[in-house]
C-alpha cells in the first residue's frame, strides 16, 4: 500500500523548482526587447571580460527591466501612477533606439 500524499511537501518542491527555473530565465514582452538587452549587456561587458553566466543573466535582466519600465504607460499602477516620463526614461528609450540602429545589418 502507498503512503498518503503530502501535498504541502509537493507544493514546496514545485515552488523550489519554479524558483530555480525562473532564476535563469528572462521575462520580456518581446524578442526585440531581449535582443536590445543582450546587446547592451555585451557592450557593458565586452568580449574578453570575465563574467559568469549568472552575472550575465542578471545584467541582461536588469537591462530588460529598465527598458520595460521606461516604456510603461503613464498612469499605470506598476509605474507608481506617474503622470510623466522622467529624463532617465527618455535616456533609456534613446539607448534602446540606438542599440536597434547598431544591430541592424549594414547594406553595402
PDB file of N, CA and C in Angstrom:
ATOM      1  N   UNK A   1       0.826  -1.177   0.000  1.00  0.00           N
ATOM      2  CA  UNK A   1       0.000   0.000   0.000  1.00  0.00           C
ATOM      3  C   UNK A   1       0.880   1.255   0.000  1.00  0.00           C
ATOM      4  N   UNK A   2       0.444   2.281  -0.677  1.00  0.00           N
ATOM      5  CA  UNK A   2       1.199   3.534  -0.758  1.00  0.00           C
ATOM      6  C   UNK A   2       0.921   4.417   0.449  1.00  0.00           C
ATOM      7  N   UNK A   3       1.964   5.162   0.837  1.00  0.00           N
ATOM      8  CA  UNK A   3       1.803   6.119   1.943  1.00  0.00           C
ATOM      9  C   UNK A   3       0.950   7.295   1.450  1.00  0.00           C
ATOM     10  N   UNK A   4       0.252   7.969   2.355  1.00  0.00           N
ATOM     11  CA  UNK A   4      -0.561   9.120   1.951  1.00  0.00           C
ATOM     12  C   UNK A   4       0.316  10.225   1.342  1.00  0.00           C
ATOM     13  N   UNK A   5      -0.249  10.929   0.399  1.00  0.00           N
ATOM     14  CA  UNK A   5       0.461  12.001  -0.290  1.00  0.00           C
ATOM     15  C   UNK A   5       0.525  13.232   0.611  1.00  0.00           C
ATOM     16  N   UNK A   6       1.717  13.800   0.721  1.00  0.00           N
ATOM     17  CA  UNK A   6       1.902  15.029   1.496  1.00  0.00           C
ATOM     18  C   UNK A   6       1.883  16.202   0.514  1.00  0.00           C
ATOM     19  N   UNK A   7       0.705  16.787   0.344  1.00  0.00           N
ATOM     20  CA  UNK A   7       0.541  17.850  -0.639  1.00  0.00           C
ATOM     21  C   UNK A   7       1.395  19.077  -0.317  1.00  0.00           C
ATOM     22  N   UNK A   8       1.589  19.375   0.949  1.00  0.00           N
ATOM     23  CA  UNK A   8       2.414  20.528   1.319  1.00  0.00           C
ATOM     24  C   UNK A   8       3.855  20.323   0.856  1.00  0.00           C
ATOM     25  N   UNK A   9       4.353  19.131   0.979  1.00  0.00           N
ATOM     26  CA  UNK A   9       5.714  18.818   0.519  1.00  0.00           C
ATOM     27  C   UNK A   9       5.809  18.947  -1.004  1.00  0.00           C
ATOM     28  N   UNK A  10       4.787  18.505  -1.699  1.00  0.00           N
ATOM     29  CA  UNK A  10       4.764  18.629  -3.172  1.00  0.00           C
ATOM     30  C   UNK A  10       4.785  20.104  -3.565  1.00  0.00           C
ATOM     31  N   UNK A  11       3.975  20.921  -2.887  1.00  0.00           N
ATOM     32  CA  UNK A  11       3.952  22.358  -3.178  1.00  0.00           C
ATOM     33  C   UNK A  11       5.326  22.989  -2.948  1.00  0.00           C
ATOM     34  N   UNK A  12       5.973  22.581  -1.866  1.00  0.00           N
ATOM     35  CA  UNK A  12       7.293  23.120  -1.543  1.00  0.00           C
ATOM     36  C   UNK A  12       8.315  22.757  -2.628  1.00  0.00           C
ATOM     37  N   UNK A  13       8.303  21.515  -3.051  1.00  0.00           N
ATOM     38  CA  UNK A  13       9.253  21.070  -4.078  1.00  0.00           C
ATOM     39  C   UNK A  13       8.980  21.775  -5.403  1.00  0.00           C
ATOM     40  N   UNK A  14       7.730  21.859  -5.815  1.00  0.00           N
ATOM     41  CA  UNK A  14       7.431  22.530  -7.085  1.00  0.00           C
ATOM     42  C   UNK A  14       7.731  24.027  -7.011  1.00  0.00           C
ATOM     43  N   UNK A  15       7.535  24.633  -5.844  1.00  0.00           N
ATOM     44  CA  UNK A  15       7.879  26.052  -5.679  1.00  0.00           C
ATOM     45  C   UNK A  15       9.385  26.241  -5.851  1.00  0.00           C
ATOM     46  N   UNK A  16      10.185  25.354  -5.230  1.00  0.00           N
ATOM     47  CA  UNK A  16      11.641  25.440  -5.370  1.00  0.00           C
ATOM     48  C   UNK A  16      12.067  25.241  -6.816  1.00  0.00           C
ATOM     49  N   UNK A  17      11.434  24.317  -7.510  1.00  0.00           N
ATOM     50  CA  UNK A  17      11.745  24.088  -8.923  1.00  0.00           C
ATOM     51  C   UNK A  17      11.442  25.333  -9.747  1.00  0.00           C
ATOM     52  N   UNK A  18      10.293  25.940  -9.494  1.00  0.00           N
ATOM     53  CA  UNK A  18       9.916  27.157 -10.210  1.00  0.00           C
ATOM     54  C   UNK A  18      10.917  28.272  -9.941  1.00  0.00           C
ATOM     55  N   UNK A  19      11.369  28.416  -8.708  1.00  0.00           N
ATOM     56  CA  UNK A  19      12.364  29.434  -8.354  1.00  0.00           C
ATOM     57  C   UNK A  19      13.668  29.190  -9.102  1.00  0.00           C
ATOM     58  N   UNK A  20      14.107  27.945  -9.155  1.00  0.00           N
ATOM     59  CA  UNK A  20      15.348  27.611  -9.839  1.00  0.00           C
ATOM     60  C   UNK A  20      15.239  27.877 -11.337  1.00  0.00           C
ATOM     61  N   UNK A  21      14.135  27.498 -11.926  1.00  0.00           N
ATOM     62  CA  UNK A  21      13.943  27.702 -13.367  1.00  0.00           C
ATOM     63  C   UNK A  21      13.860  29.189 -13.685  1.00  0.00           C
ATOM     64  N   UNK A  22      13.061  29.927 -12.922  1.00  0.00           N
ATOM     65  CA  UNK A  22      12.875  31.349 -13.217  1.00  0.00           C
ATOM     66  C   UNK A  22      14.117  32.169 -12.919  1.00  0.00           C
ATOM     67  N   UNK A  23      15.012  31.678 -12.059  1.00  0.00           N
ATOM     68  CA  UNK A  23      16.226  32.433 -11.767  1.00  0.00           C
ATOM     69  C   UNK A  23      17.164  32.478 -12.968  1.00  0.00           C
ATOM     70  N   UNK A  24      16.978  31.571 -13.909  1.00  0.00           N
ATOM     71  CA  UNK A  24      17.827  31.545 -15.088  1.00  0.00           C
ATOM     72  C   UNK A  24      17.119  31.968 -16.356  1.00  0.00           C
ATOM     73  N   UNK A  25      15.947  32.559 -16.219  1.00  0.00           N
ATOM     74  CA  UNK A  25      15.206  32.979 -17.405  1.00  0.00           C
ATOM     75  C   UNK A  25      15.008  34.497 -17.399  1.00  0.00           C
ATOM     76  N   UNK A  26      14.699  35.016 -18.561  1.00  0.00           N
ATOM     77  CA  UNK A  26      14.469  36.444 -18.730  1.00  0.00           C
ATOM     78  C   UNK A  26      13.047  36.618 -19.245  1.00  0.00           C
ATOM     79  N   UNK A  27      12.280  37.445 -18.564  1.00  0.00           N
ATOM     80  CA  UNK A  27      10.878  37.660 -18.928  1.00  0.00           C
ATOM     81  C   UNK A  27      10.737  39.026 -19.596  1.00  0.00           C
ATOM     82  N   UNK A  28      10.414  39.016 -20.871  1.00  0.00           N
ATOM     83  CA  UNK A  28      10.268  40.268 -21.618  1.00  0.00           C
ATOM     84  C   UNK A  28       9.061  40.163 -22.527  1.00  0.00           C
ATOM     85  N   UNK A  29       8.432  41.304 -22.828  1.00  0.00           N
ATOM     86  CA  UNK A  29       7.242  41.283 -23.676  1.00  0.00           C
ATOM     87  C   UNK A  29       7.527  41.014 -25.153  1.00  0.00           C
ATOM     88  N   UNK A  30       8.802  41.121 -25.573  1.00  0.00           N
ATOM     89  CA  UNK A  30       9.106  40.877 -26.989  1.00  0.00           C
ATOM     90  C   UNK A  30      10.547  40.394 -27.144  1.00  0.00           C
ATOM     91  N   UNK A  31      10.783  39.694 -28.249  1.00  0.00           N
ATOM     92  CA  UNK A  31      12.142  39.261 -28.573  1.00  0.00           C
ATOM     93  C   UNK A  31      13.014  40.465 -28.861  1.00  0.00           C
ATOM     94  N   UNK A  32      12.438  41.498 -29.441  1.00  0.00           N
ATOM     95  CA  UNK A  32      13.183  42.708 -29.759  1.00  0.00           C
ATOM     96  C   UNK A  32      13.782  43.321 -28.493  1.00  0.00           C
ATOM     97  N   UNK A  33      13.008  43.347 -27.437  1.00  0.00           N
ATOM     98  CA  UNK A  33      13.497  43.896 -26.181  1.00  0.00           C
ATOM     99  C   UNK A  33      14.631  43.032 -25.621  1.00  0.00           C
ATOM    100  N   UNK A  34      14.508  41.727 -25.727  1.00  0.00           N
ATOM    101  CA  UNK A  34      15.570  40.831 -25.261  1.00  0.00           C
ATOM    102  C   UNK A  34      16.842  41.035 -26.085  1.00  0.00           C
ATOM    103  N   UNK A  35      16.689  41.157 -27.402  1.00  0.00           N
ATOM    104  CA  UNK A  35      17.865  41.395 -28.254  1.00  0.00           C
ATOM    105  C   UNK A  35      18.570  42.687 -27.852  1.00  0.00           C
ATOM    106  N   UNK A  36      17.809  43.743 -27.586  1.00  0.00           N
ATOM    107  CA  UNK A  36      18.405  45.014 -27.158  1.00  0.00           C
ATOM    108  C   UNK A  36      19.134  44.855 -25.831  1.00  0.00           C
ATOM    109  N   UNK A  37      18.531  44.141 -24.902  1.00  0.00           N
ATOM    110  CA  UNK A  37      19.138  43.944 -23.578  1.00  0.00           C
ATOM    111  C   UNK A  37      20.414  43.109 -23.686  1.00  0.00           C
ATOM    112  N   UNK A  38      20.393  42.075 -24.535  1.00  0.00           N
ATOM    113  CA  UNK A  38      21.586  41.244 -24.700  1.00  0.00           C
ATOM    114  C   UNK A  38      22.721  42.039 -25.340  1.00  0.00           C
ATOM    115  N   UNK A  39      22.394  42.887 -26.318  1.00  0.00           N
ATOM    116  CA  UNK A  39      23.412  43.722 -26.946  1.00  0.00           C
ATOM    117  C   UNK A  39      23.972  44.716 -25.931  1.00  0.00           C
ATOM    118  N   UNK A  40      23.106  45.312 -25.126  1.00  0.00           N
ATOM    119  CA  UNK A  40      23.566  46.248 -24.090  1.00  0.00           C
ATOM    120  C   UNK A  40      24.482  45.530 -23.105  1.00  0.00           C
ATOM    121  N   UNK A  41      24.154  44.301 -22.752  1.00  0.00           N
ATOM    122  CA  UNK A  41      24.990  43.528 -21.822  1.00  0.00           C
ATOM    123  C   UNK A  41      26.352  43.235 -22.434  1.00  0.00           C
ATOM    124  N   UNK A  42      26.370  42.876 -23.704  1.00  0.00           N
ATOM    125  CA  UNK A  42      27.647  42.591 -24.376  1.00  0.00           C
ATOM    126  C   UNK A  42      28.510  43.849 -24.458  1.00  0.00           C
ATOM    127  N   UNK A  43      27.875  44.998 -24.653  1.00  0.00           N
ATOM    128  CA  UNK A  43      28.633  46.248 -24.710  1.00  0.00           C
ATOM    129  C   UNK A  43      29.103  46.659 -23.316  1.00  0.00           C
ATOM    130  N   UNK A  44      28.306  46.401 -22.325  1.00  0.00           N
ATOM    131  CA  UNK A  44      28.662  46.729 -20.942  1.00  0.00           C
ATOM    132  C   UNK A  44      29.831  45.861 -20.479  1.00  0.00           C
ATOM    133  N   UNK A  45      29.820  44.605 -20.848  1.00  0.00           N
ATOM    134  CA  UNK A  45      30.887  43.662 -20.506  1.00  0.00           C
ATOM    135  C   UNK A  45      31.399  43.058 -21.805  1.00  0.00           C
ATOM    136  N   UNK A  46      32.283  43.769 -22.505  1.00  0.00           N
ATOM    137  CA  UNK A  46      32.710  43.332 -23.834  1.00  0.00           C
ATOM    138  C   UNK A  46      33.505  42.030 -23.827  1.00  0.00           C
ATOM    139  N   UNK A  47      33.731  41.503 -25.018  1.00  0.00           N
ATOM    140  CA  UNK A  47      34.470  40.267 -25.216  1.00  0.00           C
ATOM    141  C   UNK A  47      35.800  40.335 -24.468  1.00  0.00           C
ATOM    142  N   UNK A  48      36.131  39.273 -23.791  1.00  0.00           N
ATOM    143  CA  UNK A  48      37.367  39.241 -23.020  1.00  0.00           C
ATOM    144  C   UNK A  48      37.154  39.567 -21.552  1.00  0.00           C
ATOM    145  N   UNK A  49      36.005  40.146 -21.229  1.00  0.00           N
ATOM    146  CA  UNK A  49      35.687  40.437 -19.838  1.00  0.00           C
ATOM    147  C   UNK A  49      35.232  39.142 -19.184  1.00  0.00           C
ATOM    148  N   UNK A  50      35.754  38.871 -18.031  1.00  0.00           N
ATOM    149  CA  UNK A  50      35.354  37.651 -17.312  1.00  0.00           C
ATOM    150  C   UNK A  50      34.067  37.929 -16.553  1.00  0.00           C
ATOM    151  N   UNK A  51      33.038  37.179 -16.927  1.00  0.00           N
ATOM    152  CA  UNK A  51      31.745  37.322 -16.272  1.00  0.00           C
ATOM    153  C   UNK A  51      31.089  35.952 -16.252  1.00  0.00           C
ATOM    154  N   UNK A  52      30.585  35.574 -15.095  1.00  0.00           N
ATOM    155  CA  UNK A  52      29.910  34.275 -15.014  1.00  0.00           C
ATOM    156  C   UNK A  52      28.584  34.345 -15.767  1.00  0.00           C
ATOM    157  N   UNK A  53      28.073  33.178 -16.120  1.00  0.00           N
ATOM    158  CA  UNK A  53      26.778  33.118 -16.799  1.00  0.00           C
ATOM    159  C   UNK A  53      25.692  33.748 -15.933  1.00  0.00           C
ATOM    160  N   UNK A  54      25.729  33.475 -14.639  1.00  0.00           N
ATOM    161  CA  UNK A  54      24.743  34.053 -13.727  1.00  0.00           C
ATOM    162  C   UNK A  54      24.798  35.570 -13.721  1.00  0.00           C
ATOM    163  N   UNK A  55      26.023  36.140 -13.717  1.00  0.00           N
ATOM    164  CA  UNK A  55      26.165  37.600 -13.755  1.00  0.00           C
ATOM    165  C   UNK A  55      25.637  38.159 -15.072  1.00  0.00           C
ATOM    166  N   UNK A  56      25.923  37.454 -16.173  1.00  0.00           N
ATOM    167  CA  UNK A  56      25.439  37.900 -17.488  1.00  0.00           C
ATOM    168  C   UNK A  56      23.911  37.910 -17.519  1.00  0.00           C
ATOM    169  N   UNK A  57      23.292  36.871 -16.982  1.00  0.00           N
ATOM    170  CA  UNK A  57      21.833  36.803 -16.955  1.00  0.00           C
ATOM    171  C   UNK A  57      21.267  37.925 -16.088  1.00  0.00           C
ATOM    172  N   UNK A  58      21.875  38.152 -14.907  1.00  0.00           N
ATOM    173  CA  UNK A  58      21.406  39.230 -14.027  1.00  0.00           C
ATOM    174  C   UNK A  58      21.545  40.589 -14.699  1.00  0.00           C
ATOM    175  N   UNK A  59      22.655  40.822 -15.403  1.00  0.00           N
ATOM    176  CA  UNK A  59      22.872  42.085 -16.105  1.00  0.00           C
ATOM    177  C   UNK A  59      21.851  42.258 -17.225  1.00  0.00           C
ATOM    178  N   UNK A  60      21.649  41.208 -18.015  1.00  0.00           N
ATOM    179  CA  UNK A  60      20.669  41.276 -19.102  1.00  0.00           C
ATOM    180  C   UNK A  60      19.275  41.508 -18.550  1.00  0.00           C
ATOM    181  N   UNK A  61      18.947  40.832 -17.465  1.00  0.00           N
ATOM    182  CA  UNK A  61      17.641  41.011 -16.822  1.00  0.00           C
ATOM    183  C   UNK A  61      17.469  42.462 -16.344  1.00  0.00           C
ATOM    184  N   UNK A  62      18.527  43.059 -15.829  1.00  0.00           N
ATOM    185  CA  UNK A  62      18.466  44.462 -15.369  1.00  0.00           C
ATOM    186  C   UNK A  62      18.180  45.394 -16.546  1.00  0.00           C
ATOM    187  N   UNK A  63      18.830  45.146 -17.691  1.00  0.00           N
ATOM    188  CA  UNK A  63      18.549  45.969 -18.875  1.00  0.00           C
ATOM    189  C   UNK A  63      17.104  45.771 -19.343  1.00  0.00           C
ATOM    190  N   UNK A  64      16.623  44.524 -19.344  1.00  0.00           N
ATOM    191  CA  UNK A  64      15.231  44.248 -19.740  1.00  0.00           C
ATOM    192  C   UNK A  64      14.275  45.032 -18.848  1.00  0.00           C
ATOM    193  N   UNK A  65      14.484  44.962 -17.539  1.00  0.00           N
ATOM    194  CA  UNK A  65      13.590  45.656 -16.599  1.00  0.00           C
ATOM    195  C   UNK A  65      13.656  47.163 -16.797  1.00  0.00           C
ATOM    196  N   UNK A  66      14.845  47.706 -17.044  1.00  0.00           N
ATOM    197  CA  UNK A  66      14.969  49.154 -17.284  1.00  0.00           C
ATOM    198  C   UNK A  66      14.240  49.551 -18.561  1.00  0.00           C
ATOM    199  N   UNK A  67      14.403  48.758 -19.630  1.00  0.00           N
ATOM    200  CA  UNK A  67      13.711  49.068 -20.884  1.00  0.00           C
ATOM    201  C   UNK A  67      12.195  48.992 -20.709  1.00  0.00           C
ATOM    202  N   UNK A  68      11.732  47.954 -20.016  1.00  0.00           N
ATOM    203  CA  UNK A  68      10.283  47.805 -19.792  1.00  0.00           C
ATOM    204  C   UNK A  68       9.745  48.971 -18.970  1.00  0.00           C
ATOM    205  N   UNK A  69      10.441  49.341 -17.906  1.00  0.00           N
ATOM    206  CA  UNK A  69       9.970  50.421 -17.028  1.00  0.00           C
ATOM    207  C   UNK A  69       9.941  51.756 -17.749  1.00  0.00           C
ATOM    208  N   UNK A  70      10.898  51.994 -18.637  1.00  0.00           N
ATOM    209  CA  UNK A  70      10.957  53.288 -19.333  1.00  0.00           C
ATOM    210  C   UNK A  70       9.838  53.441 -20.357  1.00  0.00           C
ATOM    211  N   UNK A  71       9.242  52.325 -20.772  1.00  0.00           N
ATOM    212  CA  UNK A  71       8.191  52.376 -21.792  1.00  0.00           C
ATOM    213  C   UNK A  71       6.810  52.081 -21.237  1.00  0.00           C
ATOM    214  N   UNK A  72       6.711  51.921 -19.902  1.00  0.00           N
ATOM    215  CA  UNK A  72       5.429  51.615 -19.275  1.00  0.00           C
ATOM    216  C   UNK A  72       4.474  52.780 -19.474  1.00  0.00           C
ATOM    217  N   UNK A  73       3.222  52.493 -19.774  1.00  0.00           N
ATOM    218  CA  UNK A  73       2.247  53.577 -19.975  1.00  0.00           C
ATOM    219  C   UNK A  73       2.110  54.442 -18.723  1.00  0.00           C
ATOM    220  N   UNK A  74       1.930  55.716 -18.937  1.00  0.00           N
ATOM    221  CA  UNK A  74       1.741  56.634 -17.812  1.00  0.00           C
ATOM    222  C   UNK A  74       0.437  56.321 -17.097  1.00  0.00           C
ATOM    223  N   UNK A  75       0.422  56.540 -15.794  1.00  0.00           N
ATOM    224  CA  UNK A  75      -0.778  56.272 -15.000  1.00  0.00           C
ATOM    225  C   UNK A  75      -0.972  54.815 -14.676  1.00  0.00           C
ATOM    226  N   UNK A  76      -0.050  53.948 -15.148  1.00  0.00           N
ATOM    227  CA  UNK A  76      -0.110  52.514 -14.869  1.00  0.00           C
ATOM    228  C   UNK A  76       0.215  52.308 -13.387  1.00  0.00           C
ATOM    229  N   UNK A  77      -0.541  51.476 -12.711  1.00  0.00           N
ATOM    230  CA  UNK A  77      -0.305  51.215 -11.298  1.00  0.00           C
ATOM    231  C   UNK A  77       1.099  50.714 -11.021  1.00  0.00           C
ATOM    232  N   UNK A  78       1.662  49.924 -11.968  1.00  0.00           N
ATOM    233  CA  UNK A  78       3.007  49.403 -11.777  1.00  0.00           C
ATOM    234  C   UNK A  78       4.045  50.511 -11.892  1.00  0.00           C
ATOM    235  N   UNK A  79       3.687  51.606 -12.516  1.00  0.00           N
ATOM    236  CA  UNK A  79       4.625  52.712 -12.692  1.00  0.00           C
ATOM    237  C   UNK A  79       4.424  53.750 -11.595  1.00  0.00           C
ATOM    238  N   UNK A  80       3.818  53.336 -10.498  1.00  0.00           N
ATOM    239  CA  UNK A  80       3.556  54.219  -9.371  1.00  0.00           C
ATOM    240  C   UNK A  80       2.690  55.411  -9.756  1.00  0.00           C
ATOM    241  N   UNK A  81       1.827  55.239 -10.747  1.00  0.00           N
ATOM    242  CA  UNK A  81       0.902  56.291 -11.132  1.00  0.00           C
ATOM    243  C   UNK A  81       1.585  57.535 -11.680  1.00  0.00           C
ATOM    244  N   UNK A  82       2.737  57.376 -12.313  1.00  0.00           N
ATOM    245  CA  UNK A  82       3.458  58.540 -12.847  1.00  0.00           C
ATOM    246  C   UNK A  82       2.593  59.283 -13.841  1.00  0.00           C
ATOM    247  N   UNK A  83       2.743  60.588 -13.858  1.00  0.00           N
ATOM    248  CA  UNK A  83       1.995  61.410 -14.799  1.00  0.00           C
ATOM    249  C   UNK A  83       2.852  61.839 -15.986  1.00  0.00           C
ATOM    250  N   UNK A  84       4.149  61.624 -15.886  1.00  0.00           N
ATOM    251  CA  UNK A  84       5.032  61.980 -16.997  1.00  0.00           C
ATOM    252  C   UNK A  84       6.289  61.119 -16.955  1.00  0.00           C
ATOM    253  N   UNK A  85       6.932  61.034 -18.106  1.00  0.00           N
ATOM    254  CA  UNK A  85       8.182  60.285 -18.174  1.00  0.00           C
ATOM    255  C   UNK A  85       9.300  61.143 -17.602  1.00  0.00           C
ATOM    256  N   UNK A  86      10.295  60.484 -17.029  1.00  0.00           N
ATOM    257  CA  UNK A  86      11.434  61.203 -16.459  1.00  0.00           C
ATOM    258  C   UNK A  86      12.536  61.332 -17.508  1.00  0.00           C
ATOM    259  N   UNK A  87      13.516  62.151 -17.202  1.00  0.00           N
ATOM    260  CA  UNK A  87      14.676  62.287 -18.081  1.00  0.00           C
ATOM    261  C   UNK A  87      15.360  60.937 -18.244  1.00  0.00           C
ATOM    262  N   UNK A  88      15.418  60.179 -17.152  1.00  0.00           N
ATOM    263  CA  UNK A  88      16.024  58.846 -17.205  1.00  0.00           C
ATOM    264  C   UNK A  88      15.258  57.929 -18.159  1.00  0.00           C
ATOM    265  N   UNK A  89      13.917  58.017 -18.148  1.00  0.00           N
ATOM    266  CA  UNK A  89      13.111  57.212 -19.076  1.00  0.00           C
ATOM    267  C   UNK A  89      13.489  57.535 -20.516  1.00  0.00           C
ATOM    268  N   UNK A  90      13.614  58.826 -20.837  1.00  0.00           N
ATOM    269  CA  UNK A  90      13.949  59.230 -22.202  1.00  0.00           C
ATOM    270  C   UNK A  90      15.354  58.767 -22.582  1.00  0.00           C
ATOM    271  N   UNK A  91      16.288  58.817 -21.633  1.00  0.00           N
ATOM    272  CA  UNK A  91      17.654  58.357 -21.919  1.00  0.00           C
ATOM    273  C   UNK A  91      17.680  56.850 -22.174  1.00  0.00           C
ATOM    274  N   UNK A  92      16.916  56.109 -21.394  1.00  0.00           N
ATOM    275  CA  UNK A  92      16.858  54.651 -21.587  1.00  0.00           C
ATOM    276  C   UNK A  92      16.177  54.322 -22.908  1.00  0.00           C
ATOM    277  N   UNK A  93      15.124  55.045 -23.258  1.00  0.00           N
ATOM    278  CA  UNK A  93      14.454  54.837 -24.549  1.00  0.00           C
ATOM    279  C   UNK A  93      15.407  55.155 -25.698  1.00  0.00           C
ATOM    280  N   UNK A  94      16.204  56.230 -25.547  1.00  0.00           N
ATOM    281  CA  UNK A  94      17.168  56.588 -26.593  1.00  0.00           C
ATOM    282  C   UNK A  94      18.238  55.509 -26.718  1.00  0.00           C
ATOM    283  N   UNK A  95      18.705  54.969 -25.586  1.00  0.00           N
ATOM    284  CA  UNK A  95      19.678  53.878 -25.619  1.00  0.00           C
ATOM    285  C   UNK A  95      19.122  52.704 -26.408  1.00  0.00           C
ATOM    286  N   UNK A  96      17.882  52.362 -26.159  1.00  0.00           N
ATOM    287  CA  UNK A  96      17.281  51.220 -26.865  1.00  0.00           C
ATOM    288  C   UNK A  96      17.182  51.497 -28.363  1.00  0.00           C
ATOM    289  N   UNK A  97      16.779  52.706 -28.739  1.00  0.00           N
ATOM    290  CA  UNK A  97      16.725  53.062 -30.174  1.00  0.00           C
ATOM    291  C   UNK A  97      18.113  52.970 -30.803  1.00  0.00           C
ATOM    292  N   UNK A  98      19.131  53.484 -30.087  1.00  0.00           N
ATOM    293  CA  UNK A  98      20.497  53.430 -30.606  1.00  0.00           C
ATOM    294  C   UNK A  98      20.975  51.988 -30.759  1.00  0.00           C
ATOM    295  N   UNK A  99      20.629  51.135 -29.818  1.00  0.00           N
ATOM    296  CA  UNK A  99      21.012  49.729 -29.910  1.00  0.00           C
ATOM    297  C   UNK A  99      20.366  49.066 -31.121  1.00  0.00           C
ATOM    298  N   UNK A 100      19.135  49.445 -31.429  1.00  0.00           N
ATOM    299  CA  UNK A 100      18.466  48.886 -32.610  1.00  0.00           C
ATOM    300  C   UNK A 100      19.201  49.298 -33.879  1.00  0.00           C
ATOM    301  N   UNK A 101      19.653  50.555 -33.943  1.00  0.00           N
ATOM    302  CA  UNK A 101      20.380  51.041 -35.118  1.00  0.00           C
ATOM    303  C   UNK A 101      21.700  50.283 -35.255  1.00  0.00           C
ATOM    304  N   UNK A 102      22.396  50.112 -34.161  1.00  0.00           N
ATOM    305  CA  UNK A 102      23.692  49.411 -34.177  1.00  0.00           C
ATOM    306  C   UNK A 102      23.526  47.966 -34.632  1.00  0.00           C
ATOM    307  N   UNK A 103      22.434  47.332 -34.219  1.00  0.00           N
ATOM    308  CA  UNK A 103      22.251  45.905 -34.510  1.00  0.00           C
ATOM    309  C   UNK A 103      21.720  45.621 -35.905  1.00  0.00           C
ATOM    310  N   UNK A 104      21.274  46.647 -36.623  1.00  0.00           N
ATOM    311  CA  UNK A 104      20.792  46.422 -37.986  1.00  0.00           C
ATOM    312  C   UNK A 104      21.950  46.044 -38.891  1.00  0.00           C
ATOM    313  N   UNK A 105      21.723  45.061 -39.756  1.00  0.00           N
ATOM    314  CA  UNK A 105      22.799  44.704 -40.696  1.00  0.00           C
ATOM    315  C   UNK A 105      23.020  45.850 -41.674  1.00  0.00           C
ATOM    316  N   UNK A 106      24.295  46.140 -41.926  1.00  0.00           N
ATOM    317  CA  UNK A 106      24.585  47.233 -42.863  1.00  0.00           C
ATOM    318  C   UNK A 106      24.470  46.708 -44.296  1.00  0.00           C
ATOM    319  N   UNK A 107      24.005  47.582 -45.157  1.00  0.00           N
ATOM    320  CA  UNK A 107      23.843  47.253 -46.568  1.00  0.00           C
ATOM    321  C   UNK A 107      24.886  48.023 -47.354  1.00  0.00           C
ATOM    322  N   UNK A 108      25.689  47.310 -48.134  1.00  0.00           N
ATOM    323  CA  UNK A 108      26.758  47.966 -48.908  1.00  0.00           C
ATOM    324  C   UNK A 108      26.415  47.975 -50.355  1.00  0.00           C
TER     325      UNK A 108
END
